[in-house]
Amino acid sequence: MPIYLSTLKEGCSTEAQRKQIAECITTVHVDVTGAPAQFVNTFFREHADEEGGFRALPKGNIVFVNGNIRSGRSKEAKAEMMERITQGVVDALGCRPDEVGITLNSGPASHGMEGGQILPDPGSPEEKAWKETGHAKVPQ
């Protein structure tokens, strides 16, 4: 269910850099939440300065990461995720932290489905059983 959409200023990244950012986002999400890596979705799009999306960003921003995650994550967990993802973007693009915008939006677990199963709330007994029974694994 976690979906991360990174909007980048046109021409500011290579495919290799976007792959590095995607790997960072996946690693951070898995490390902090314990979610299965195969459920972390990362997408990228580019926009020119004058296109929608970048008119509203502060001058000098080159990337904005919008993450949609299950609700129930602590304030500390979300802060750690934002800090680590920001650093990963900085490392990948060679930019400054003030050129990176990030937000995490939370939605009820029951609004998502993975592997044919409605997602359980983070930290719930249902999530523990879901992981133990293998429902958290995508069939091969």
Protein backbone atom coordinates (compact mmCIF):
# COMPACT_ATOMS: atom_id res chain seq x y z
CA MET A 1 0.00 0.00 0.00
CA PRO A 2 2.66 2.60 0.65
CA ILE A 3 2.89 4.75 -2.45
CA TYR A 4 5.61 7.35 -2.88
CA LEU A 5 5.39 9.78 -5.78
CA SER A 6 8.49 11.91 -6.32
CA THR A 7 8.05 14.91 -8.57
CA LEU A 8 11.39 16.15 -9.89
CA LYS A 9 12.32 19.29 -11.72
CA GLU A 10 12.83 18.41 -15.36
CA GLY A 11 16.36 17.28 -16.17
CA CYS A 12 17.64 17.20 -12.59
CA SER A 13 17.96 13.41 -12.30
CA THR A 14 19.11 10.34 -14.16
CA GLU A 15 17.53 6.90 -14.18
CA ALA A 16 20.33 5.68 -11.89
CA GLN A 17 19.62 8.49 -9.42
CA ARG A 18 15.89 7.74 -9.43
CA LYS A 19 16.67 4.07 -8.81
CA GLN A 20 18.86 5.08 -5.86
CA ILE A 21 16.02 7.21 -4.46
CA ALA A 22 13.52 4.37 -4.92
CA GLU A 23 15.84 1.96 -3.10
CA CYS A 24 16.29 4.48 -0.28
CA ILE A 25 12.56 5.01 0.11
CA THR A 26 11.92 1.26 0.16
CA THR A 27 14.70 0.60 2.68
CA VAL A 28 13.56 3.40 4.98
CA HIS A 29 9.91 2.37 4.84
CA VAL A 30 10.74 -1.27 5.57
CA ASP A 31 13.24 -0.41 8.35
CA VAL A 32 10.87 1.94 10.15
CA THR A 33 7.52 0.19 9.64
CA GLY A 34 8.39 -3.48 9.17
CA ALA A 35 6.24 -3.56 6.03
CA PRO A 36 7.19 -6.11 3.35
CA ALA A 37 9.47 -4.51 0.75
CA GLN A 38 7.38 -5.80 -2.16
CA PHE A 39 4.47 -3.62 -1.02
CA VAL A 40 6.42 -0.34 -1.23
CA ASN A 41 5.60 1.45 -4.49
CA THR A 42 7.75 4.28 -5.82
CA PHE A 43 6.91 6.44 -8.82
CA PHE A 44 8.63 9.40 -10.44
CA ARG A 45 7.56 12.21 -12.72
CA GLU A 46 9.31 15.29 -14.04
CA HIS A 47 7.98 18.80 -14.52
CA ALA A 48 9.40 21.94 -16.06
CA ASP A 49 9.45 25.02 -13.82
CA GLU A 50 6.37 26.53 -15.36
CA GLU A 51 4.27 23.34 -15.25
CA GLY A 52 1.69 22.61 -12.58
CA GLY A 53 3.13 21.33 -9.36
CA PHE A 54 6.25 23.43 -9.34
CA ARG A 55 4.59 26.85 -9.38
CA ALA A 56 3.57 26.31 -5.75
CA LEU A 57 6.92 25.04 -4.50
CA PRO A 58 9.43 27.40 -2.95
CA LYS A 59 11.96 28.78 -5.39
CA GLY A 60 14.91 26.42 -5.64
CA ASN A 61 13.07 23.19 -4.78
CA ILE A 62 14.00 20.46 -7.20
CA VAL A 63 12.10 17.50 -5.76
CA PHE A 64 8.96 16.87 -3.76
CA VAL A 65 8.22 13.42 -2.33
CA ASN A 66 4.58 12.69 -1.49
CA GLY A 67 4.18 9.49 0.51
CA ASN A 68 0.86 7.78 1.20
CA ILE A 69 1.12 5.32 4.08
CA ARG A 70 -1.16 3.45 6.49
CA SER A 71 -2.32 5.49 9.46
CA GLY A 72 -1.18 4.44 12.90
CA ARG A 73 2.50 5.31 12.48
CA SER A 74 3.92 7.33 15.34
CA LYS A 75 4.99 10.94 14.97
CA GLU A 76 8.55 9.80 15.69
CA ALA A 77 8.44 7.09 13.03
CA LYS A 78 7.17 9.56 10.42
CA ALA A 79 9.84 12.10 11.39
CA GLU A 80 12.54 9.44 11.04
CA MET A 81 11.20 8.41 7.66
CA MET A 82 11.13 11.99 6.38
CA GLU A 83 14.65 12.73 7.65
CA ARG A 84 16.14 9.56 6.18
CA ILE A 85 14.34 9.90 2.84
CA THR A 86 15.44 13.53 2.59
CA GLN A 87 19.04 12.48 3.22
CA GLY A 88 18.72 9.72 0.62
CA VAL A 89 17.48 12.22 -1.96
CA VAL A 90 20.32 14.59 -1.08
CA ASP A 91 22.84 11.75 -1.44
CA ALA A 92 21.37 10.61 -4.77
CA LEU A 93 20.99 14.02 -6.41
CA GLY A 94 23.82 15.94 -4.76
CA CYS A 95 21.37 18.67 -3.78
CA ARG A 96 20.81 20.47 -0.49
CA PRO A 97 18.17 19.45 2.07
CA ASP A 98 16.38 22.77 1.54
CA GLU A 99 15.81 21.79 -2.11
CA VAL A 100 13.79 18.74 -1.04
CA GLY A 101 10.16 18.79 0.04
CA ILE A 102 8.47 15.78 1.59
CA THR A 103 5.12 14.98 3.11
CA LEU A 104 3.58 11.79 4.45
CA ASN A 105 -0.18 11.35 4.18
CA SER A 106 -1.88 8.65 6.23
CA GLY A 107 -4.97 6.67 5.36
CA PRO A 108 -6.78 3.90 7.21
CA ALA A 109 -5.27 0.47 6.63
CA SER A 110 -8.69 -0.78 5.60
CA HIS A 111 -8.51 1.52 2.56
CA GLY A 112 -5.69 -0.59 1.10
CA MET A 113 -5.29 -4.11 -0.20
CA GLU A 114 -2.17 -6.14 -0.96
CA GLY A 115 -1.96 -9.73 -2.10
CA GLY A 116 -5.75 -9.92 -2.20
CA GLN A 117 -6.07 -9.03 1.49
CA ILE A 118 -7.42 -5.89 3.16
CA LEU A 119 -4.52 -4.45 5.11
CA PRO A 120 -4.56 -4.69 8.92
CA ASP A 121 -3.81 -1.76 11.19
CA PRO A 122 -0.08 -1.33 11.96
CA GLY A 123 0.92 -2.99 15.23
CA SER A 124 -2.43 -4.75 15.61
CA PRO A 125 -2.83 -8.43 16.50
CA GLU A 126 -4.34 -8.83 13.04
CA GLU A 127 -1.15 -7.50 11.45
CA LYS A 128 0.97 -9.94 13.46
CA ALA A 129 -1.23 -12.87 12.37
CA TRP A 130 -1.24 -11.55 8.79
CA LYS A 131 2.56 -11.59 8.73
CA GLU A 132 2.85 -14.97 10.50
CA THR A 133 0.44 -16.72 8.13
CA GLY A 134 2.30 -15.48 5.08
CA HIS A 135 -0.43 -13.14 3.85
CA ALA A 136 2.18 -10.39 3.79
CA LYS A 137 4.00 -12.22 1.02
CA VAL A 138 3.07 -11.70 -2.60
CA PRO A 139 2.55 -15.02 -4.41
CA GLN A 140 5.34 -15.82 -6.88
